[in-house]
Amino acid sequence: MTSGRAQLVCDSLVCERGGRQVLAGVSFTVSAGEAMIVTGRNGAGKSTLLRVIAGLLRIASGRIAMSGGEDDATLAEQSHYLGHLDAVKPSLSVGENLQFWTAYLGAPHGAPILPALEAVDLAQLADLPAAYLSAGQRRRLSIARLVAVPRSIWLLDEPTSALDTPSQDRLTGLMRAHLSTGGLIVAAAHGPIGLDSARELRLGPPAETLS
């Protein structure tokens, strides 16, 4: 995990997609143990911002840096990105899905997955084909990746989507535990996600199409 002085710094970010300026001059800093909620109407660039930080989209200008993190790891390698799609393969069991992701994300060979499944209340379904999961259960399986492979930065896009109240409370507990160990959270959300101390970054309306 990061040191107490770790900071995610985004300075004057500009991102263009399809000839449209989606992000224009976005700047913020999130320090170890802090959470920031990104809000704004549809199309304002909330998901784009998370994907930019995760290294999935290029920026036109500006700077993204992680200070005080892991010197030998890229920003993407220090981040977990939880997007709208749960990335669950239906033909694999619940446990096999998580085993795939832990290996893909660089966990040591044979790393146990049961604690992560227990954290999202899916341990009893470890051998069930993922095709039989409900939308909420698939979301919880995606969240299990955050627990199975520790990374400093959690980038969460509408993380409570499809979750019932007990599952939302469980997620809140996981986020608070992550912050308590010096983790950082940047979450895009239309409503509260249970972190009362989180700062808010409100993005404006989408820009006009560039000429």
C-alpha atoms as a PDB file:
ATOM      1  CA  MET A   1       0.000   0.000   0.000  1.00  0.00           C
ATOM      2  CA  THR A   2       1.031   3.602  -0.421  1.00  0.00           C
ATOM      3  CA  SER A   3       2.826   5.728   2.126  1.00  0.00           C
ATOM      4  CA  GLY A   4       1.004   8.381   4.098  1.00  0.00           C
ATOM      5  CA  ARG A   5       2.442  11.029   1.766  1.00  0.00           C
ATOM      6  CA  ALA A   6       1.228   9.413  -1.449  1.00  0.00           C
ATOM      7  CA  GLN A   7      -0.810  11.603  -3.769  1.00  0.00           C
ATOM      8  CA  LEU A   8      -2.596  11.197  -7.073  1.00  0.00           C
ATOM      9  CA  VAL A   9      -2.172  14.485  -8.938  1.00  0.00           C
ATOM     10  CA  CYS A  10      -4.102  15.431 -12.070  1.00  0.00           C
ATOM     11  CA  ASP A  11      -3.231  18.813 -13.543  1.00  0.00           C
ATOM     12  CA  SER A  12      -5.092  20.582 -16.367  1.00  0.00           C
ATOM     13  CA  LEU A  13      -6.306  17.377 -18.018  1.00  0.00           C
ATOM     14  CA  VAL A  14      -7.770  17.678 -21.497  1.00  0.00           C
ATOM     15  CA  CYS A  15      -9.289  14.672 -23.255  1.00  0.00           C
ATOM     16  CA  GLU A  16     -10.891  14.612 -26.679  1.00  0.00           C
ATOM     17  CA  ARG A  17     -13.041  11.816 -28.077  1.00  0.00           C
ATOM     18  CA  GLY A  18     -14.630  11.719 -31.511  1.00  0.00           C
ATOM     19  CA  GLY A  19     -13.752  15.337 -32.170  1.00  0.00           C
ATOM     20  CA  ARG A  20     -15.364  16.445 -28.911  1.00  0.00           C
ATOM     21  CA  GLN A  21     -13.564  17.847 -25.898  1.00  0.00           C
ATOM     22  CA  VAL A  22     -14.868  15.711 -23.034  1.00  0.00           C
ATOM     23  CA  LEU A  23     -12.508  16.948 -20.301  1.00  0.00           C
ATOM     24  CA  ALA A  24     -11.152  20.481 -20.283  1.00  0.00           C
ATOM     25  CA  GLY A  25      -8.618  21.666 -17.716  1.00  0.00           C
ATOM     26  CA  VAL A  26      -9.545  19.210 -14.946  1.00  0.00           C
ATOM     27  CA  SER A  27      -7.239  19.472 -11.924  1.00  0.00           C
ATOM     28  CA  PHE A  28      -7.329  17.805  -8.499  1.00  0.00           C
ATOM     29  CA  THR A  29      -5.213  16.004  -5.911  1.00  0.00           C
ATOM     30  CA  VAL A  30      -6.233  12.963  -3.878  1.00  0.00           C
ATOM     31  CA  SER A  31      -4.000  11.950  -0.984  1.00  0.00           C
ATOM     32  CA  ALA A  32      -3.529   8.628   0.791  1.00  0.00           C
ATOM     33  CA  GLY A  33      -6.595   7.799   2.877  1.00  0.00           C
ATOM     34  CA  GLU A  34      -8.870  10.120   0.893  1.00  0.00           C
ATOM     35  CA  ALA A  35     -11.835   9.492  -1.393  1.00  0.00           C
ATOM     36  CA  MET A  36     -13.183  11.774  -4.093  1.00  0.00           C
ATOM     37  CA  ILE A  37     -16.608  11.434  -5.711  1.00  0.00           C
ATOM     38  CA  VAL A  38     -16.861  12.650  -9.314  1.00  0.00           C
ATOM     39  CA  THR A  39     -20.341  13.944 -10.101  1.00  0.00           C
ATOM     40  CA  GLY A  40     -22.037  15.657 -13.024  1.00  0.00           C
ATOM     41  CA  ARG A  41     -24.777  15.028 -15.518  1.00  0.00           C
ATOM     42  CA  ASN A  42     -24.619  12.317 -18.177  1.00  0.00           C
ATOM     43  CA  GLY A  43     -21.939  13.071 -20.731  1.00  0.00           C
ATOM     44  CA  ALA A  44     -19.958  15.352 -18.451  1.00  0.00           C
ATOM     45  CA  GLY A  45     -16.927  13.043 -18.587  1.00  0.00           C
ATOM     46  CA  LYS A  46     -17.096  11.095 -15.311  1.00  0.00           C
ATOM     47  CA  SER A  47     -16.353   7.708 -16.860  1.00  0.00           C
ATOM     48  CA  THR A  48     -13.822   9.252 -19.223  1.00  0.00           C
ATOM     49  CA  LEU A  49     -11.882  10.701 -16.289  1.00  0.00           C
ATOM     50  CA  LEU A  50     -11.636   7.310 -14.590  1.00  0.00           C
ATOM     51  CA  ARG A  51     -10.536   5.639 -17.819  1.00  0.00           C
ATOM     52  CA  VAL A  52      -7.894   8.315 -18.346  1.00  0.00           C
ATOM     53  CA  ILE A  53      -6.446   7.730 -14.872  1.00  0.00           C
ATOM     54  CA  ALA A  54      -6.519   3.970 -15.491  1.00  0.00           C
ATOM     55  CA  GLY A  55      -4.479   4.448 -18.650  1.00  0.00           C
ATOM     56  CA  LEU A  56      -7.273   3.266 -20.965  1.00  0.00           C
ATOM     57  CA  LEU A  57      -7.610   6.615 -22.760  1.00  0.00           C
ATOM     58  CA  ARG A  58      -5.002   9.109 -23.913  1.00  0.00           C
ATOM     59  CA  ILE A  59      -5.060  12.731 -22.855  1.00  0.00           C
ATOM     60  CA  ALA A  60      -4.600  15.606 -25.286  1.00  0.00           C
ATOM     61  CA  SER A  61      -2.713  17.628 -22.698  1.00  0.00           C
ATOM     62  CA  GLY A  62      -2.137  17.916 -18.979  1.00  0.00           C
ATOM     63  CA  ARG A  63      -0.412  15.696 -16.444  1.00  0.00           C
ATOM     64  CA  ILE A  64      -1.283  12.657 -14.321  1.00  0.00           C
ATOM     65  CA  ALA A  65       1.167  11.465 -11.687  1.00  0.00           C
ATOM     66  CA  MET A  66       1.335   9.362  -8.562  1.00  0.00           C
ATOM     67  CA  SER A  67       3.836  10.620  -6.021  1.00  0.00           C
ATOM     68  CA  GLY A  68       4.895   8.536  -3.058  1.00  0.00           C
ATOM     69  CA  GLY A  69       3.579   5.315  -4.590  1.00  0.00           C
ATOM     70  CA  GLU A  70       5.462   2.316  -5.918  1.00  0.00           C
ATOM     71  CA  ASP A  71       8.505   3.600  -7.775  1.00  0.00           C
ATOM     72  CA  ASP A  72       8.811   0.569 -10.042  1.00  0.00           C
ATOM     73  CA  ALA A  73       5.119   0.415 -11.025  1.00  0.00           C
ATOM     74  CA  THR A  74       3.155   2.469 -13.518  1.00  0.00           C
ATOM     75  CA  LEU A  75       0.021   4.324 -12.477  1.00  0.00           C
ATOM     76  CA  ALA A  76      -2.088   1.685 -14.237  1.00  0.00           C
ATOM     77  CA  GLU A  77      -0.299  -1.069 -12.313  1.00  0.00           C
ATOM     78  CA  GLN A  78      -1.166   0.666  -9.049  1.00  0.00           C
ATOM     79  CA  SER A  79      -4.846   1.066  -9.955  1.00  0.00           C
ATOM     80  CA  HIS A  80      -7.988  -1.052  -9.944  1.00  0.00           C
ATOM     81  CA  TYR A  81     -10.599   0.026 -12.495  1.00  0.00           C
ATOM     82  CA  LEU A  82     -14.180  -1.114 -11.881  1.00  0.00           C
ATOM     83  CA  GLY A  83     -16.237  -0.079 -14.896  1.00  0.00           C
ATOM     84  CA  HIS A  84     -19.846  -0.528 -15.963  1.00  0.00           C
ATOM     85  CA  LEU A  85     -19.174  -4.002 -17.375  1.00  0.00           C
ATOM     86  CA  ASP A  86     -18.538  -6.686 -14.768  1.00  0.00           C
ATOM     87  CA  ALA A  87     -16.152  -8.696 -17.010  1.00  0.00           C
ATOM     88  CA  VAL A  88     -17.470 -12.076 -15.884  1.00  0.00           C
ATOM     89  CA  LYS A  89     -17.141 -15.136 -18.156  1.00  0.00           C
ATOM     90  CA  PRO A  90     -20.409 -17.111 -17.875  1.00  0.00           C
ATOM     91  CA  SER A  91     -18.892 -20.505 -18.706  1.00  0.00           C
ATOM     92  CA  LEU A  92     -16.442 -20.325 -15.794  1.00  0.00           C
ATOM     93  CA  SER A  93     -17.391 -20.831 -12.169  1.00  0.00           C
ATOM     94  CA  VAL A  94     -17.394 -17.976  -9.713  1.00  0.00           C
ATOM     95  CA  GLY A  95     -14.076 -19.160  -8.292  1.00  0.00           C
ATOM     96  CA  GLU A  96     -12.520 -19.680 -11.713  1.00  0.00           C
ATOM     97  CA  ASN A  97     -13.470 -16.164 -12.751  1.00  0.00           C
ATOM     98  CA  LEU A  98     -11.730 -14.699  -9.733  1.00  0.00           C
ATOM     99  CA  GLN A  99      -8.717 -16.971 -10.217  1.00  0.00           C
ATOM    100  CA  PHE A 100      -8.380 -15.680 -13.772  1.00  0.00           C
ATOM    101  CA  TRP A 101      -8.457 -12.072 -12.636  1.00  0.00           C
ATOM    102  CA  THR A 102      -6.015 -12.571  -9.794  1.00  0.00           C
ATOM    103  CA  ALA A 103      -3.536 -14.160 -12.209  1.00  0.00           C
ATOM    104  CA  TYR A 104      -4.122 -11.452 -14.821  1.00  0.00           C
ATOM    105  CA  LEU A 105      -3.637  -8.713 -12.246  1.00  0.00           C
ATOM    106  CA  GLY A 106      -0.357 -10.171 -11.055  1.00  0.00           C
ATOM    107  CA  ALA A 107      -1.184 -11.999  -7.841  1.00  0.00           C
ATOM    108  CA  PRO A 108       1.323 -14.703  -6.813  1.00  0.00           C
ATOM    109  CA  HIS A 109       0.585 -18.120  -8.311  1.00  0.00           C
ATOM    110  CA  GLY A 110      -1.825 -20.014  -6.103  1.00  0.00           C
ATOM    111  CA  ALA A 111      -2.893 -16.946  -4.133  1.00  0.00           C
ATOM    112  CA  PRO A 112      -6.028 -17.808  -2.115  1.00  0.00           C
ATOM    113  CA  ILE A 113      -9.306 -16.404  -3.420  1.00  0.00           C
ATOM    114  CA  LEU A 114     -11.635 -17.573  -0.648  1.00  0.00           C
ATOM    115  CA  PRO A 115     -11.086 -14.508   1.604  1.00  0.00           C
ATOM    116  CA  ALA A 116     -12.052 -12.193  -1.275  1.00  0.00           C
ATOM    117  CA  LEU A 117     -15.183 -14.240  -2.027  1.00  0.00           C
ATOM    118  CA  GLU A 118     -16.089 -14.208   1.660  1.00  0.00           C
ATOM    119  CA  ALA A 119     -15.690 -10.427   1.710  1.00  0.00           C
ATOM    120  CA  VAL A 120     -18.439 -10.099  -0.921  1.00  0.00           C
ATOM    121  CA  ASP A 121     -20.567 -12.985   0.437  1.00  0.00           C
ATOM    122  CA  LEU A 122     -19.987 -15.292  -2.532  1.00  0.00           C
ATOM    123  CA  ALA A 123     -17.865 -18.029  -0.960  1.00  0.00           C
ATOM    124  CA  GLN A 124     -20.815 -20.424  -0.915  1.00  0.00           C
ATOM    125  CA  LEU A 125     -21.183 -19.999  -4.693  1.00  0.00           C
ATOM    126  CA  ALA A 126     -17.533 -20.563  -5.606  1.00  0.00           C
ATOM    127  CA  ASP A 127     -18.310 -23.650  -7.733  1.00  0.00           C
ATOM    128  CA  LEU A 128     -21.431 -22.242  -9.404  1.00  0.00           C
ATOM    129  CA  PRO A 129     -21.169 -21.327 -13.106  1.00  0.00           C
ATOM    130  CA  ALA A 130     -21.195 -17.549 -13.331  1.00  0.00           C
ATOM    131  CA  ALA A 131     -23.991 -17.775 -15.920  1.00  0.00           C
ATOM    132  CA  TYR A 132     -26.403 -18.351 -13.039  1.00  0.00           C
ATOM    133  CA  LEU A 133     -25.454 -15.216 -11.109  1.00  0.00           C
ATOM    134  CA  SER A 134     -27.851 -12.301 -10.749  1.00  0.00           C
ATOM    135  CA  ALA A 135     -26.776  -8.805 -11.783  1.00  0.00           C
ATOM    136  CA  GLY A 136     -25.999  -7.952  -8.166  1.00  0.00           C
ATOM    137  CA  GLN A 137     -23.955 -11.111  -7.674  1.00  0.00           C
ATOM    138  CA  ARG A 138     -21.951 -10.403 -10.826  1.00  0.00           C
ATOM    139  CA  ARG A 139     -21.228  -6.935  -9.490  1.00  0.00           C
ATOM    140  CA  ARG A 140     -20.062  -8.412  -6.199  1.00  0.00           C
ATOM    141  CA  LEU A 141     -17.784 -10.827  -8.050  1.00  0.00           C
ATOM    142  CA  SER A 142     -16.200  -7.870  -9.840  1.00  0.00           C
ATOM    143  CA  ILE A 143     -15.714  -6.107  -6.514  1.00  0.00           C
ATOM    144  CA  ALA A 144     -13.937  -9.219  -5.199  1.00  0.00           C
ATOM    145  CA  ARG A 145     -11.033  -8.371  -7.522  1.00  0.00           C
ATOM    146  CA  LEU A 146     -10.367  -5.257  -5.437  1.00  0.00           C
ATOM    147  CA  VAL A 147      -9.923  -7.411  -2.361  1.00  0.00           C
ATOM    148  CA  ALA A 148      -8.038 -10.316  -3.952  1.00  0.00           C
ATOM    149  CA  VAL A 149      -5.240  -8.201  -5.421  1.00  0.00           C
ATOM    150  CA  PRO A 150      -4.320  -5.161  -3.284  1.00  0.00           C
ATOM    151  CA  ARG A 151      -3.704  -1.987  -5.253  1.00  0.00           C
ATOM    152  CA  SER A 152      -3.419   1.563  -3.965  1.00  0.00           C
ATOM    153  CA  ILE A 153      -5.927   3.328  -6.207  1.00  0.00           C
ATOM    154  CA  TRP A 154      -9.534   2.233  -6.654  1.00  0.00           C
ATOM    155  CA  LEU A 155     -11.264   3.777  -9.684  1.00  0.00           C
ATOM    156  CA  LEU A 156     -14.959   2.969  -9.304  1.00  0.00           C
ATOM    157  CA  ASP A 157     -17.607   3.791 -11.905  1.00  0.00           C
ATOM    158  CA  GLU A 158     -21.078   3.718 -10.311  1.00  0.00           C
ATOM    159  CA  PRO A 159     -19.865   1.027  -7.882  1.00  0.00           C
ATOM    160  CA  THR A 160     -23.245   0.509  -6.180  1.00  0.00           C
ATOM    161  CA  SER A 161     -25.017  -0.280  -9.463  1.00  0.00           C
ATOM    162  CA  ALA A 162     -27.221  -3.411  -9.131  1.00  0.00           C
ATOM    163  CA  LEU A 163     -26.335  -3.827  -5.452  1.00  0.00           C
ATOM    164  CA  ASP A 164     -29.025  -4.273  -2.804  1.00  0.00           C
ATOM    165  CA  THR A 165     -28.772  -2.466   0.522  1.00  0.00           C
ATOM    166  CA  PRO A 166     -26.780  -5.166   2.390  1.00  0.00           C
ATOM    167  CA  SER A 167     -24.320  -5.385  -0.514  1.00  0.00           C
ATOM    168  CA  GLN A 168     -23.965  -1.608  -0.620  1.00  0.00           C
ATOM    169  CA  ASP A 169     -23.194  -1.623   3.098  1.00  0.00           C
ATOM    170  CA  ARG A 170     -20.613  -4.373   2.545  1.00  0.00           C
ATOM    171  CA  LEU A 171     -18.970  -2.322  -0.217  1.00  0.00           C
ATOM    172  CA  THR A 172     -18.896   0.731   2.029  1.00  0.00           C
ATOM    173  CA  GLY A 173     -17.051  -1.318   4.642  1.00  0.00           C
ATOM    174  CA  LEU A 174     -14.505  -2.474   2.065  1.00  0.00           C
ATOM    175  CA  MET A 175     -13.934   1.091   0.872  1.00  0.00           C
ATOM    176  CA  ARG A 176     -13.453   2.358   4.409  1.00  0.00           C
ATOM    177  CA  ALA A 177     -10.972  -0.441   5.128  1.00  0.00           C
ATOM    178  CA  HIS A 178      -9.076   0.439   1.946  1.00  0.00           C
ATOM    179  CA  LEU A 179      -8.850   4.092   2.960  1.00  0.00           C
ATOM    180  CA  SER A 180      -7.758   3.173   6.492  1.00  0.00           C
ATOM    181  CA  THR A 181      -4.663   1.441   5.090  1.00  0.00           C
ATOM    182  CA  GLY A 182      -3.652   4.465   3.011  1.00  0.00           C
ATOM    183  CA  GLY A 183      -5.552   3.646  -0.152  1.00  0.00           C
ATOM    184  CA  LEU A 184      -7.098   6.222  -2.493  1.00  0.00           C
ATOM    185  CA  ILE A 185     -10.543   6.123  -4.101  1.00  0.00           C
ATOM    186  CA  VAL A 186     -11.881   8.070  -7.068  1.00  0.00           C
ATOM    187  CA  ALA A 187     -15.500   7.125  -7.757  1.00  0.00           C
ATOM    188  CA  ALA A 188     -17.945   8.358 -10.384  1.00  0.00           C
ATOM    189  CA  ALA A 189     -21.461   8.385  -8.993  1.00  0.00           C
ATOM    190  CA  HIS A 190     -24.856  10.016  -9.410  1.00  0.00           C
ATOM    191  CA  GLY A 191     -25.660   9.565  -5.726  1.00  0.00           C
ATOM    192  CA  PRO A 192     -24.044   8.853  -2.353  1.00  0.00           C
ATOM    193  CA  ILE A 193     -21.910   5.725  -1.938  1.00  0.00           C
ATOM    194  CA  GLY A 194     -21.658   5.700   1.841  1.00  0.00           C
ATOM    195  CA  LEU A 195     -18.451   7.721   2.305  1.00  0.00           C
ATOM    196  CA  ASP A 196     -19.506  10.855   4.164  1.00  0.00           C
ATOM    197  CA  SER A 197     -15.957  12.214   4.316  1.00  0.00           C
ATOM    198  CA  ALA A 198     -15.437  12.016   0.535  1.00  0.00           C
ATOM    199  CA  ARG A 199     -14.682  15.213  -1.353  1.00  0.00           C
ATOM    200  CA  GLU A 200     -16.653  16.068  -4.488  1.00  0.00           C
ATOM    201  CA  LEU A 201     -15.416  17.014  -7.936  1.00  0.00           C
ATOM    202  CA  ARG A 202     -18.304  18.175 -10.092  1.00  0.00           C
ATOM    203  CA  LEU A 203     -17.715  18.128 -13.829  1.00  0.00           C
ATOM    204  CA  GLY A 204     -19.501  20.592 -16.049  1.00  0.00           C
ATOM    205  CA  PRO A 205     -21.575  19.922 -19.166  1.00  0.00           C
ATOM    206  CA  PRO A 206     -19.917  18.267 -22.159  1.00  0.00           C
ATOM    207  CA  ALA A 207     -18.120  20.614 -24.497  1.00  0.00           C
ATOM    208  CA  GLU A 208     -19.262  21.372 -28.036  1.00  0.00           C
ATOM    209  CA  THR A 209     -17.884  19.437 -30.978  1.00  0.00           C
ATOM    210  CA  LEU A 210     -14.485  20.747 -32.006  1.00  0.00           C
ATOM    211  CA  SER A 211     -14.125  22.302 -35.438  1.00  0.00           C
END
